[in-house]
Every structure is written in structure tokens, then in C-alpha cells.
Amino acid sequence: MPFNSNNTHRTQNDHDWRCSKCFKLLGRRGRAGIHIQFARGHQYILSGTASAVCRSCGTLNET
């Protein structure tokens, strides 16, 4: 389930987890949990809640 991580502001999708300040895509919510993917090919699926610092603006985000 790859996603585009550009930081253009678009209408919020219920499945997107975006930075609360700059709207950069942090992950995608799905049935299995939150899917997070990095440029070097690392992928994670988290269940429950997650916290992340946005790599673009440094804002702490929680879901």
C-alpha cells in the first residue's frame, strides 16, 4: 500500500495521517493498523496509537 508523501495540502482523507501543522503525509490508516513507509524501503504497520515528529516542520503528531 504505497503512498505519495509530498507536502501539498489536499482535502483530508479519513485514511491519511497527516502533520497537523504542514499537512505532510505521515502514514495511512487501514484495517491492519497504521502503515508507515520510508524512502529507503522500510515499512511498518502499527496497531493502536502512534506518535511521530514531522520530518518537515518538527511538529509532534499523535494518532
N, C-alpha and C. Protein backbone atom coordinates (compact mmCIF):
# COMPACT_ATOMS: atom_id res chain seq x y z
N MET A 1 0.83 -1.18 0.00
CA MET A 1 0.00 0.00 0.00
C MET A 1 0.87 1.25 0.00
N PRO A 2 1.64 1.52 -1.05
CA PRO A 2 2.50 2.71 -1.10
C PRO A 2 1.68 4.00 -1.14
N PHE A 3 2.29 5.08 -0.72
CA PHE A 3 1.60 6.37 -0.75
C PHE A 3 2.56 7.46 -1.16
N ASN A 4 1.99 8.56 -1.60
CA ASN A 4 2.75 9.72 -2.03
C ASN A 4 2.95 10.63 -0.83
N SER A 5 4.17 11.00 -0.51
CA SER A 5 4.44 11.78 0.69
C SER A 5 4.81 13.24 0.39
N ASN A 6 4.30 13.79 -0.71
CA ASN A 6 4.58 15.21 -0.92
C ASN A 6 3.77 16.03 0.07
N ASN A 7 4.19 17.25 0.33
CA ASN A 7 3.53 18.01 1.38
C ASN A 7 2.57 19.06 0.84
N THR A 8 1.90 18.81 -0.28
CA THR A 8 0.88 19.70 -0.77
C THR A 8 -0.38 19.49 0.04
N HIS A 9 -1.08 20.58 0.34
CA HIS A 9 -2.29 20.48 1.15
C HIS A 9 -3.46 20.07 0.26
N ARG A 10 -4.07 18.95 0.63
CA ARG A 10 -5.23 18.47 -0.09
C ARG A 10 -6.35 18.23 0.91
N THR A 11 -7.54 17.93 0.43
CA THR A 11 -8.64 17.60 1.31
C THR A 11 -8.26 16.40 2.15
N GLN A 12 -8.52 16.47 3.45
CA GLN A 12 -8.17 15.38 4.35
C GLN A 12 -8.94 14.13 3.99
N ASN A 13 -8.25 13.04 3.85
CA ASN A 13 -8.83 11.73 3.63
C ASN A 13 -8.87 11.05 4.98
N ASP A 14 -9.95 10.35 5.32
CA ASP A 14 -10.06 9.68 6.61
C ASP A 14 -8.96 8.66 6.83
N HIS A 15 -8.34 8.16 5.77
CA HIS A 15 -7.31 7.14 5.88
C HIS A 15 -5.91 7.74 5.98
N ASP A 16 -5.75 9.03 5.72
CA ASP A 16 -4.44 9.68 5.78
C ASP A 16 -4.14 10.16 7.19
N TRP A 17 -2.92 9.94 7.65
CA TRP A 17 -2.43 10.54 8.89
C TRP A 17 -1.45 11.61 8.47
N ARG A 18 -1.83 12.87 8.64
CA ARG A 18 -1.02 14.00 8.18
C ARG A 18 -0.57 14.86 9.35
N CYS A 19 0.52 15.58 9.15
CA CYS A 19 1.03 16.51 10.14
C CYS A 19 -0.03 17.58 10.39
N SER A 20 -0.25 17.91 11.65
CA SER A 20 -1.27 18.91 12.00
C SER A 20 -0.85 20.33 11.63
N LYS A 21 0.43 20.55 11.35
CA LYS A 21 0.91 21.90 11.00
C LYS A 21 1.13 22.07 9.50
N CYS A 22 1.91 21.17 8.87
CA CYS A 22 2.26 21.37 7.45
C CYS A 22 1.55 20.39 6.51
N PHE A 23 0.74 19.47 7.05
CA PHE A 23 -0.07 18.51 6.29
C PHE A 23 0.74 17.48 5.51
N LYS A 24 2.01 17.30 5.85
CA LYS A 24 2.81 16.24 5.21
C LYS A 24 2.24 14.89 5.61
N LEU A 25 2.19 13.97 4.66
CA LEU A 25 1.66 12.64 4.92
C LEU A 25 2.62 11.85 5.80
N LEU A 26 2.13 11.38 6.95
CA LEU A 26 2.94 10.61 7.89
C LEU A 26 2.66 9.12 7.78
N GLY A 27 1.46 8.75 7.39
CA GLY A 27 1.08 7.35 7.28
C GLY A 27 -0.34 7.21 6.76
N ARG A 28 -0.76 5.95 6.59
CA ARG A 28 -2.12 5.65 6.14
C ARG A 28 -2.76 4.68 7.11
N ARG A 29 -4.01 4.97 7.48
CA ARG A 29 -4.75 4.08 8.37
C ARG A 29 -5.46 3.02 7.55
N GLY A 30 -5.45 1.80 8.02
CA GLY A 30 -6.13 0.70 7.35
C GLY A 30 -6.67 -0.27 8.39
N ARG A 31 -7.24 -1.37 7.92
CA ARG A 31 -7.79 -2.37 8.83
C ARG A 31 -6.73 -2.97 9.74
N ALA A 32 -5.53 -3.17 9.21
CA ALA A 32 -4.46 -3.81 9.97
C ALA A 32 -3.79 -2.84 10.96
N GLY A 33 -3.94 -1.54 10.75
CA GLY A 33 -3.31 -0.54 11.61
C GLY A 33 -2.82 0.63 10.78
N ILE A 34 -1.82 1.33 11.27
CA ILE A 34 -1.25 2.48 10.58
C ILE A 34 -0.04 2.02 9.79
N HIS A 35 -0.05 2.26 8.48
CA HIS A 35 1.05 1.85 7.60
C HIS A 35 1.98 3.04 7.42
N ILE A 36 3.25 2.84 7.77
CA ILE A 36 4.27 3.88 7.64
C ILE A 36 5.36 3.36 6.72
N GLN A 37 5.77 4.18 5.77
CA GLN A 37 6.77 3.77 4.77
C GLN A 37 7.82 4.86 4.64
N PHE A 38 9.08 4.46 4.55
CA PHE A 38 10.18 5.41 4.39
C PHE A 38 10.81 5.26 3.02
N ALA A 39 11.55 6.26 2.59
CA ALA A 39 12.14 6.30 1.25
C ALA A 39 13.11 5.14 0.99
N ARG A 40 13.79 4.66 2.00
CA ARG A 40 14.76 3.58 1.81
C ARG A 40 14.12 2.20 1.80
N GLY A 41 12.80 2.14 1.76
CA GLY A 41 12.11 0.86 1.65
C GLY A 41 11.65 0.26 2.96
N HIS A 42 11.93 0.92 4.08
CA HIS A 42 11.46 0.41 5.36
C HIS A 42 9.96 0.65 5.47
N GLN A 43 9.25 -0.37 5.93
CA GLN A 43 7.80 -0.25 6.10
C GLN A 43 7.42 -0.82 7.45
N TYR A 44 6.44 -0.17 8.09
CA TYR A 44 5.95 -0.61 9.38
C TYR A 44 4.43 -0.56 9.38
N ILE A 45 3.80 -1.48 10.10
CA ILE A 45 2.37 -1.43 10.35
C ILE A 45 2.20 -1.46 11.86
N LEU A 46 1.60 -0.40 12.40
CA LEU A 46 1.43 -0.25 13.84
C LEU A 46 -0.03 -0.43 14.21
N SER A 47 -0.29 -1.11 15.29
CA SER A 47 -1.66 -1.18 15.79
C SER A 47 -1.75 -0.29 17.02
N GLY A 48 -2.90 0.28 17.27
CA GLY A 48 -3.07 1.18 18.40
C GLY A 48 -2.73 2.61 18.04
N THR A 49 -2.18 3.35 18.99
CA THR A 49 -1.84 4.75 18.76
C THR A 49 -0.38 4.90 18.39
N ALA A 50 -0.07 6.01 17.76
CA ALA A 50 1.31 6.27 17.35
C ALA A 50 1.62 7.76 17.53
N SER A 51 2.88 8.06 17.76
CA SER A 51 3.37 9.44 17.84
C SER A 51 4.55 9.56 16.89
N ALA A 52 4.65 10.71 16.24
CA ALA A 52 5.77 10.94 15.31
C ALA A 52 6.08 12.43 15.24
N VAL A 53 7.35 12.73 15.08
CA VAL A 53 7.78 14.10 14.84
C VAL A 53 7.89 14.26 13.33
N CYS A 54 7.23 15.28 12.79
CA CYS A 54 7.24 15.53 11.34
C CYS A 54 8.66 15.86 10.89
N ARG A 55 9.12 15.19 9.84
CA ARG A 55 10.47 15.45 9.31
C ARG A 55 10.57 16.78 8.60
N SER A 56 9.44 17.37 8.21
CA SER A 56 9.47 18.66 7.51
C SER A 56 9.50 19.85 8.46
N CYS A 57 8.62 19.84 9.48
CA CYS A 57 8.48 21.03 10.32
C CYS A 57 8.78 20.78 11.80
N GLY A 58 8.98 19.52 12.21
CA GLY A 58 9.34 19.23 13.59
C GLY A 58 8.19 19.18 14.58
N THR A 59 6.95 19.21 14.10
CA THR A 59 5.78 19.17 14.98
C THR A 59 5.53 17.74 15.47
N LEU A 60 5.23 17.60 16.78
CA LEU A 60 4.88 16.31 17.33
C LEU A 60 3.43 16.01 16.98
N ASN A 61 3.19 14.85 16.39
CA ASN A 61 1.85 14.43 15.97
C ASN A 61 1.50 13.11 16.65
N GLU A 62 0.23 12.96 17.02
CA GLU A 62 -0.25 11.73 17.63
C GLU A 62 -1.54 11.31 16.95
N THR A 63 -1.75 10.02 16.89
CA THR A 63 -2.99 9.49 16.35
C THR A 63 -3.50 8.39 17.25
